[in-house]
Amino acid sequence: MIPRYQRILFWTLLLASVAMAIVLIRFRELAADRIAGRSTSGAETQPLPETVAAPEETVTLLEANDLDGGTAPVTRQMPLPAEPGARARVLLRQLLADYSMPGSKHPLTVNHETEGGVDGVFFMAGVKDDKSGQAGGQTAVVNLTRSFVENHPSGIEVETLTLLSIIGTLHANFPAVEQVRFLVDGQPRETLAGHADLGRVYLASGSATGQ
């Protein structure tokens, strides 16, 4: 007789594996379309920055600081689309665009006029707990562009700060996000630039405060 907790664990892992397979297939299709120079609708890809016809909202970006090795919240007013994945993409592209500006405290090379460093963000709902009947927190899957990753400075601290600022920005603006995963052009990748692990699942709690 298989214990009940083992059955729950098995089905939870199975559902998570299926969900990740769907995400990988979807991002692979998006990456192929982007490389071919077209959107999923067959139209030519429009250059960034994105223009959003919406009222401005107050948002929080968790920006990295190489001088003190931490992140700090920066409040902005900016228009955002309604769809969560599109909102997250715009927020993260703005975050990375800030890093490419002169005088940035976390300087990165980001061509925000052509690809923005983030190709897309996908949200997965948490698996419902059999005991409480409540669904777990969301998992956000961030699909980084290959050119951003290939141009990222190498070093454990600078790479970790980039990931923490992305995770913290997501959690600050999407409190339901509890975990974050990363892909590069729709594919798994071992590290960001040789050090920070992109193969693991990151917990979002604490990142919104720069911890």
C-alpha atoms as a PDB file:
ATOM      1  CA  MET A   1       0.000   0.000   0.000  1.00  0.00           C
ATOM      2  CA  ILE A   2       1.512   3.317  -1.084  1.00  0.00           C
ATOM      3  CA  PRO A   3       1.247   5.974   1.663  1.00  0.00           C
ATOM      4  CA  ARG A   4      -1.085   8.878   0.885  1.00  0.00           C
ATOM      5  CA  TYR A   5       1.650  11.529   1.149  1.00  0.00           C
ATOM      6  CA  GLN A   6       3.718   9.659  -1.461  1.00  0.00           C
ATOM      7  CA  ARG A   7       0.750   9.594  -3.853  1.00  0.00           C
ATOM      8  CA  ILE A   8       0.229  13.345  -3.354  1.00  0.00           C
ATOM      9  CA  LEU A   9       3.936  13.992  -3.944  1.00  0.00           C
ATOM     10  CA  PHE A  10       3.915  11.843  -7.093  1.00  0.00           C
ATOM     11  CA  TRP A  11       0.935  13.628  -8.655  1.00  0.00           C
ATOM     12  CA  THR A  12       2.291  17.043  -7.680  1.00  0.00           C
ATOM     13  CA  LEU A  13       5.635  16.318  -9.363  1.00  0.00           C
ATOM     14  CA  LEU A  14       3.879  14.854 -12.396  1.00  0.00           C
ATOM     15  CA  LEU A  15       1.661  17.937 -12.851  1.00  0.00           C
ATOM     16  CA  ALA A  16       4.655  20.255 -12.409  1.00  0.00           C
ATOM     17  CA  SER A  17       6.630  18.294 -15.024  1.00  0.00           C
ATOM     18  CA  VAL A  18       3.771  18.475 -17.525  1.00  0.00           C
ATOM     19  CA  ALA A  19       3.337  22.208 -16.929  1.00  0.00           C
ATOM     20  CA  MET A  20       7.051  22.877 -17.435  1.00  0.00           C
ATOM     21  CA  ALA A  21       7.038  20.791 -20.632  1.00  0.00           C
ATOM     22  CA  ILE A  22       4.190  22.937 -21.994  1.00  0.00           C
ATOM     23  CA  VAL A  23       6.061  26.122 -21.077  1.00  0.00           C
ATOM     24  CA  LEU A  24       9.269  24.888 -22.738  1.00  0.00           C
ATOM     25  CA  ILE A  25       7.420  23.981 -25.939  1.00  0.00           C
ATOM     26  CA  ARG A  26       5.664  27.353 -26.012  1.00  0.00           C
ATOM     27  CA  PHE A  27       8.831  29.361 -25.434  1.00  0.00           C
ATOM     28  CA  ARG A  28      10.662  27.280 -28.051  1.00  0.00           C
ATOM     29  CA  GLU A  29       7.986  28.251 -30.579  1.00  0.00           C
ATOM     30  CA  LEU A  30       8.234  31.916 -29.577  1.00  0.00           C
ATOM     31  CA  ALA A  31      12.025  31.834 -29.837  1.00  0.00           C
ATOM     32  CA  ALA A  32      11.829  30.278 -33.301  1.00  0.00           C
ATOM     33  CA  ASP A  33       9.395  32.967 -34.432  1.00  0.00           C
ATOM     34  CA  ARG A  34      11.606  35.733 -33.036  1.00  0.00           C
ATOM     35  CA  ILE A  35      14.711  34.333 -34.732  1.00  0.00           C
ATOM     36  CA  ALA A  36      12.802  34.156 -38.008  1.00  0.00           C
ATOM     37  CA  GLY A  37      11.969  37.855 -37.587  1.00  0.00           C
ATOM     38  CA  ARG A  38       8.243  37.539 -37.118  1.00  0.00           C
ATOM     39  CA  SER A  39       5.689  37.499 -34.310  1.00  0.00           C
ATOM     40  CA  THR A  40       3.374  34.598 -33.561  1.00  0.00           C
ATOM     41  CA  SER A  41       0.750  36.175 -35.789  1.00  0.00           C
ATOM     42  CA  GLY A  42       3.139  36.191 -38.747  1.00  0.00           C
ATOM     43  CA  ALA A  43       3.733  39.956 -38.708  1.00  0.00           C
ATOM     44  CA  GLU A  44       7.194  41.470 -38.490  1.00  0.00           C
ATOM     45  CA  THR A  45       8.464  41.999 -34.975  1.00  0.00           C
ATOM     46  CA  GLN A  46       8.146  45.608 -33.856  1.00  0.00           C
ATOM     47  CA  PRO A  47      11.192  47.280 -32.268  1.00  0.00           C
ATOM     48  CA  LEU A  48      11.270  48.288 -28.620  1.00  0.00           C
ATOM     49  CA  PRO A  49      10.639  50.196 -26.485  1.00  0.00           C
ATOM     50  CA  GLU A  50       7.067  49.036 -26.198  1.00  0.00           C
ATOM     51  CA  THR A  51       4.348  51.659 -26.376  1.00  0.00           C
ATOM     52  CA  VAL A  52       1.367  50.966 -24.157  1.00  0.00           C
ATOM     53  CA  ALA A  53      -1.920  52.865 -24.547  1.00  0.00           C
ATOM     54  CA  ALA A  54      -2.943  52.814 -20.887  1.00  0.00           C
ATOM     55  CA  PRO A  55      -3.038  55.127 -17.862  1.00  0.00           C
ATOM     56  CA  GLU A  56       0.178  55.402 -15.887  1.00  0.00           C
ATOM     57  CA  GLU A  57       0.480  53.251 -12.776  1.00  0.00           C
ATOM     58  CA  THR A  58       2.788  53.319  -9.783  1.00  0.00           C
ATOM     59  CA  VAL A  59       5.201  50.391  -9.967  1.00  0.00           C
ATOM     60  CA  THR A  60       8.216  49.251  -7.984  1.00  0.00           C
ATOM     61  CA  LEU A  61      11.487  48.126  -9.543  1.00  0.00           C
ATOM     62  CA  LEU A  62      14.075  46.386  -7.364  1.00  0.00           C
ATOM     63  CA  GLU A  63      17.285  47.836  -8.747  1.00  0.00           C
ATOM     64  CA  ALA A  64      20.703  46.317  -8.065  1.00  0.00           C
ATOM     65  CA  ASN A  65      23.638  48.287  -6.709  1.00  0.00           C
ATOM     66  CA  ASP A  66      27.120  46.889  -7.311  1.00  0.00           C
ATOM     67  CA  LEU A  67      28.610  49.258  -4.737  1.00  0.00           C
ATOM     68  CA  ASP A  68      26.821  47.766  -1.728  1.00  0.00           C
ATOM     69  CA  GLY A  69      25.921  44.371  -3.215  1.00  0.00           C
ATOM     70  CA  GLY A  70      22.189  44.770  -2.631  1.00  0.00           C
ATOM     71  CA  THR A  71      18.934  45.833  -4.243  1.00  0.00           C
ATOM     72  CA  ALA A  72      16.715  48.794  -3.432  1.00  0.00           C
ATOM     73  CA  PRO A  73      13.138  49.664  -4.459  1.00  0.00           C
ATOM     74  CA  VAL A  74      12.662  52.427  -7.018  1.00  0.00           C
ATOM     75  CA  THR A  75       9.147  53.777  -7.579  1.00  0.00           C
ATOM     76  CA  ARG A  76       8.114  54.679 -11.115  1.00  0.00           C
ATOM     77  CA  GLN A  77       5.054  55.931 -12.971  1.00  0.00           C
ATOM     78  CA  MET A  78       4.549  54.072 -16.242  1.00  0.00           C
ATOM     79  CA  PRO A  79       1.731  52.702 -18.426  1.00  0.00           C
ATOM     80  CA  LEU A  80       1.261  48.937 -18.364  1.00  0.00           C
ATOM     81  CA  PRO A  81      -0.851  46.510 -20.388  1.00  0.00           C
ATOM     82  CA  ALA A  82      -3.595  44.538 -18.628  1.00  0.00           C
ATOM     83  CA  GLU A  83      -2.395  41.017 -19.452  1.00  0.00           C
ATOM     84  CA  PRO A  84      -0.088  39.767 -16.629  1.00  0.00           C
ATOM     85  CA  GLY A  85       2.597  38.289 -18.871  1.00  0.00           C
ATOM     86  CA  ALA A  86       2.796  41.469 -20.950  1.00  0.00           C
ATOM     87  CA  ARG A  87       2.877  43.618 -17.782  1.00  0.00           C
ATOM     88  CA  ALA A  88       5.753  41.589 -16.383  1.00  0.00           C
ATOM     89  CA  ARG A  89       7.682  41.793 -19.655  1.00  0.00           C
ATOM     90  CA  VAL A  90       7.343  45.592 -19.794  1.00  0.00           C
ATOM     91  CA  LEU A  91       8.441  45.933 -16.158  1.00  0.00           C
ATOM     92  CA  LEU A  92      11.508  43.734 -16.584  1.00  0.00           C
ATOM     93  CA  ARG A  93      12.505  45.423 -19.840  1.00  0.00           C
ATOM     94  CA  GLN A  94      12.346  48.777 -18.059  1.00  0.00           C
ATOM     95  CA  LEU A  95      14.477  47.377 -15.237  1.00  0.00           C
ATOM     96  CA  LEU A  96      17.136  46.149 -17.663  1.00  0.00           C
ATOM     97  CA  ALA A  97      16.936  49.361 -19.696  1.00  0.00           C
ATOM     98  CA  ASP A  98      17.817  51.290 -16.522  1.00  0.00           C
ATOM     99  CA  TYR A  99      20.958  49.175 -16.192  1.00  0.00           C
ATOM    100  CA  SER A 100      22.087  50.202 -19.679  1.00  0.00           C
ATOM    101  CA  MET A 101      21.849  53.935 -18.919  1.00  0.00           C
ATOM    102  CA  PRO A 102      24.932  56.074 -18.175  1.00  0.00           C
ATOM    103  CA  GLY A 103      25.669  56.242 -14.467  1.00  0.00           C
ATOM    104  CA  SER A 104      23.904  52.960 -13.699  1.00  0.00           C
ATOM    105  CA  LYS A 105      24.943  51.387 -10.397  1.00  0.00           C
ATOM    106  CA  HIS A 106      24.641  47.967 -12.042  1.00  0.00           C
ATOM    107  CA  PRO A 107      25.846  48.561 -15.621  1.00  0.00           C
ATOM    108  CA  LEU A 108      24.769  45.989 -18.191  1.00  0.00           C
ATOM    109  CA  THR A 109      24.722  45.894 -21.970  1.00  0.00           C
ATOM    110  CA  VAL A 110      21.058  45.780 -23.019  1.00  0.00           C
ATOM    111  CA  ASN A 111      19.838  46.736 -26.486  1.00  0.00           C
ATOM    112  CA  HIS A 112      16.407  47.907 -25.357  1.00  0.00           C
ATOM    113  CA  GLU A 113      15.636  49.343 -28.796  1.00  0.00           C
ATOM    114  CA  THR A 114      15.649  45.904 -30.448  1.00  0.00           C
ATOM    115  CA  GLU A 115      15.088  43.088 -27.948  1.00  0.00           C
ATOM    116  CA  GLY A 116      15.036  44.389 -24.375  1.00  0.00           C
ATOM    117  CA  GLY A 117      16.715  41.404 -22.707  1.00  0.00           C
ATOM    118  CA  VAL A 118      13.428  39.662 -21.811  1.00  0.00           C
ATOM    119  CA  ASP A 119      11.516  37.817 -24.518  1.00  0.00           C
ATOM    120  CA  GLY A 120       8.529  36.899 -22.370  1.00  0.00           C
ATOM    121  CA  VAL A 121       7.168  36.004 -18.938  1.00  0.00           C
ATOM    122  CA  PHE A 122       4.758  33.139 -18.305  1.00  0.00           C
ATOM    123  CA  PHE A 123       2.812  32.501 -15.086  1.00  0.00           C
ATOM    124  CA  MET A 124       1.911  29.016 -13.857  1.00  0.00           C
ATOM    125  CA  ALA A 125      -0.734  28.519 -11.181  1.00  0.00           C
ATOM    126  CA  GLY A 126       0.237  26.621  -8.053  1.00  0.00           C
ATOM    127  CA  VAL A 127      -0.929  23.058  -7.461  1.00  0.00           C
ATOM    128  CA  LYS A 128      -3.925  22.783  -5.137  1.00  0.00           C
ATOM    129  CA  ASP A 129      -3.195  21.301  -1.718  1.00  0.00           C
ATOM    130  CA  ASP A 130      -5.425  18.294  -0.950  1.00  0.00           C
ATOM    131  CA  LYS A 131      -5.649  19.120   2.757  1.00  0.00           C
ATOM    132  CA  SER A 132      -6.386  22.849   2.633  1.00  0.00           C
ATOM    133  CA  GLY A 133      -8.079  22.890  -0.753  1.00  0.00           C
ATOM    134  CA  GLN A 134      -6.151  26.059  -1.604  1.00  0.00           C
ATOM    135  CA  ALA A 135      -3.907  26.537  -4.616  1.00  0.00           C
ATOM    136  CA  GLY A 136      -0.243  27.295  -4.017  1.00  0.00           C
ATOM    137  CA  GLY A 137       1.495  30.457  -5.160  1.00  0.00           C
ATOM    138  CA  GLN A 138       2.324  31.132  -8.782  1.00  0.00           C
ATOM    139  CA  THR A 139       5.552  30.275 -10.550  1.00  0.00           C
ATOM    140  CA  ALA A 140       6.870  32.867 -13.004  1.00  0.00           C
ATOM    141  CA  VAL A 141       8.999  31.631 -15.900  1.00  0.00           C
ATOM    142  CA  VAL A 142      11.234  34.379 -17.333  1.00  0.00           C
ATOM    143  CA  ASN A 143      12.538  33.836 -20.855  1.00  0.00           C
ATOM    144  CA  LEU A 144      15.737  35.866 -21.285  1.00  0.00           C
ATOM    145  CA  THR A 145      17.193  36.624 -24.711  1.00  0.00           C
ATOM    146  CA  ARG A 146      20.429  34.963 -25.771  1.00  0.00           C
ATOM    147  CA  SER A 147      22.111  38.250 -26.679  1.00  0.00           C
ATOM    148  CA  PHE A 148      21.461  39.640 -23.184  1.00  0.00           C
ATOM    149  CA  VAL A 149      22.913  36.539 -21.533  1.00  0.00           C
ATOM    150  CA  GLU A 150      25.938  36.388 -23.841  1.00  0.00           C
ATOM    151  CA  ASN A 151      26.769  40.044 -23.118  1.00  0.00           C
ATOM    152  CA  HIS A 152      26.225  39.817 -19.345  1.00  0.00           C
ATOM    153  CA  PRO A 153      29.353  40.426 -17.208  1.00  0.00           C
ATOM    154  CA  SER A 154      30.769  37.288 -15.602  1.00  0.00           C
ATOM    155  CA  GLY A 155      31.045  37.069 -11.821  1.00  0.00           C
ATOM    156  CA  ILE A 156      29.047  35.491  -9.032  1.00  0.00           C
ATOM    157  CA  GLU A 157      28.019  38.793  -7.417  1.00  0.00           C
ATOM    158  CA  VAL A 158      27.034  40.709 -10.561  1.00  0.00           C
ATOM    159  CA  GLU A 159      25.105  37.729 -11.950  1.00  0.00           C
ATOM    160  CA  THR A 160      23.333  37.070  -8.647  1.00  0.00           C
ATOM    161  CA  LEU A 161      22.333  40.730  -8.330  1.00  0.00           C
ATOM    162  CA  THR A 162      20.768  40.675 -11.791  1.00  0.00           C
ATOM    163  CA  LEU A 163      18.677  37.610 -10.931  1.00  0.00           C
ATOM    164  CA  LEU A 164      17.683  38.973  -7.508  1.00  0.00           C
ATOM    165  CA  SER A 165      16.565  42.268  -9.017  1.00  0.00           C
ATOM    166  CA  ILE A 166      14.428  40.452 -11.596  1.00  0.00           C
ATOM    167  CA  ILE A 167      12.921  38.147  -8.973  1.00  0.00           C
ATOM    168  CA  GLY A 168      12.339  41.019  -6.548  1.00  0.00           C
ATOM    169  CA  THR A 169      10.686  43.183  -9.213  1.00  0.00           C
ATOM    170  CA  LEU A 170       8.320  40.356 -10.123  1.00  0.00           C
ATOM    171  CA  HIS A 171       7.393  39.659  -6.512  1.00  0.00           C
ATOM    172  CA  ALA A 172       6.920  43.360  -5.701  1.00  0.00           C
ATOM    173  CA  ASN A 173       4.429  43.803  -8.536  1.00  0.00           C
ATOM    174  CA  PHE A 174       2.925  40.283  -8.530  1.00  0.00           C
ATOM    175  CA  PRO A 175       2.696  39.255  -4.843  1.00  0.00           C
ATOM    176  CA  ALA A 176       1.168  35.881  -5.753  1.00  0.00           C
ATOM    177  CA  VAL A 177       4.464  34.836  -7.354  1.00  0.00           C
ATOM    178  CA  GLU A 178       6.319  32.554  -4.968  1.00  0.00           C
ATOM    179  CA  GLN A 179       8.821  30.937  -7.326  1.00  0.00           C
ATOM    180  CA  VAL A 180      10.769  32.060 -10.395  1.00  0.00           C
ATOM    181  CA  ARG A 181      12.459  30.000 -13.101  1.00  0.00           C
ATOM    182  CA  PHE A 182      14.622  31.128 -16.020  1.00  0.00           C
ATOM    183  CA  LEU A 183      14.989  30.094 -19.644  1.00  0.00           C
ATOM    184  CA  VAL A 184      17.152  31.524 -22.418  1.00  0.00           C
ATOM    185  CA  ASP A 185      15.533  31.715 -25.872  1.00  0.00           C
ATOM    186  CA  GLY A 186      13.035  29.105 -24.677  1.00  0.00           C
ATOM    187  CA  GLN A 187      15.717  26.636 -23.569  1.00  0.00           C
ATOM    188  CA  PRO A 188      17.143  25.625 -20.182  1.00  0.00           C
ATOM    189  CA  ARG A 189      20.632  26.973 -19.451  1.00  0.00           C
ATOM    190  CA  GLU A 190      23.037  26.079 -16.658  1.00  0.00           C
ATOM    191  CA  THR A 191      24.271  29.550 -15.688  1.00  0.00           C
ATOM    192  CA  LEU A 192      23.736  33.213 -16.500  1.00  0.00           C
ATOM    193  CA  ALA A 193      27.361  34.008 -17.360  1.00  0.00           C
ATOM    194  CA  GLY A 194      29.278  31.134 -15.822  1.00  0.00           C
ATOM    195  CA  HIS A 195      28.286  31.441 -12.156  1.00  0.00           C
ATOM    196  CA  ALA A 196      24.663  32.162 -11.130  1.00  0.00           C
ATOM    197  CA  ASP A 197      22.552  29.019 -11.494  1.00  0.00           C
ATOM    198  CA  LEU A 198      19.723  29.276 -14.037  1.00  0.00           C
ATOM    199  CA  GLY A 199      18.697  25.642 -13.655  1.00  0.00           C
ATOM    200  CA  ARG A 200      17.207  25.976 -10.176  1.00  0.00           C
ATOM    201  CA  VAL A 201      13.880  27.310  -8.930  1.00  0.00           C
ATOM    202  CA  TYR A 202      14.240  30.581  -6.998  1.00  0.00           C
ATOM    203  CA  LEU A 203      11.995  31.515  -4.089  1.00  0.00           C
ATOM    204  CA  ALA A 204      10.559  35.020  -4.488  1.00  0.00           C
ATOM    205  CA  SER A 205       9.901  35.701  -0.797  1.00  0.00           C
ATOM    206  CA  GLY A 206      12.408  38.172   0.625  1.00  0.00           C
ATOM    207  CA  SER A 207      13.578  39.378  -2.789  1.00  0.00           C
ATOM    208  CA  ALA A 208      11.139  42.287  -2.830  1.00  0.00           C
ATOM    209  CA  THR A 209      12.942  43.781   0.133  1.00  0.00           C
ATOM    210  CA  GLY A 210      16.380  43.205  -1.298  1.00  0.00           C
ATOM    211  CA  GLN A 211      17.197  40.328   1.090  1.00  0.00           C
END
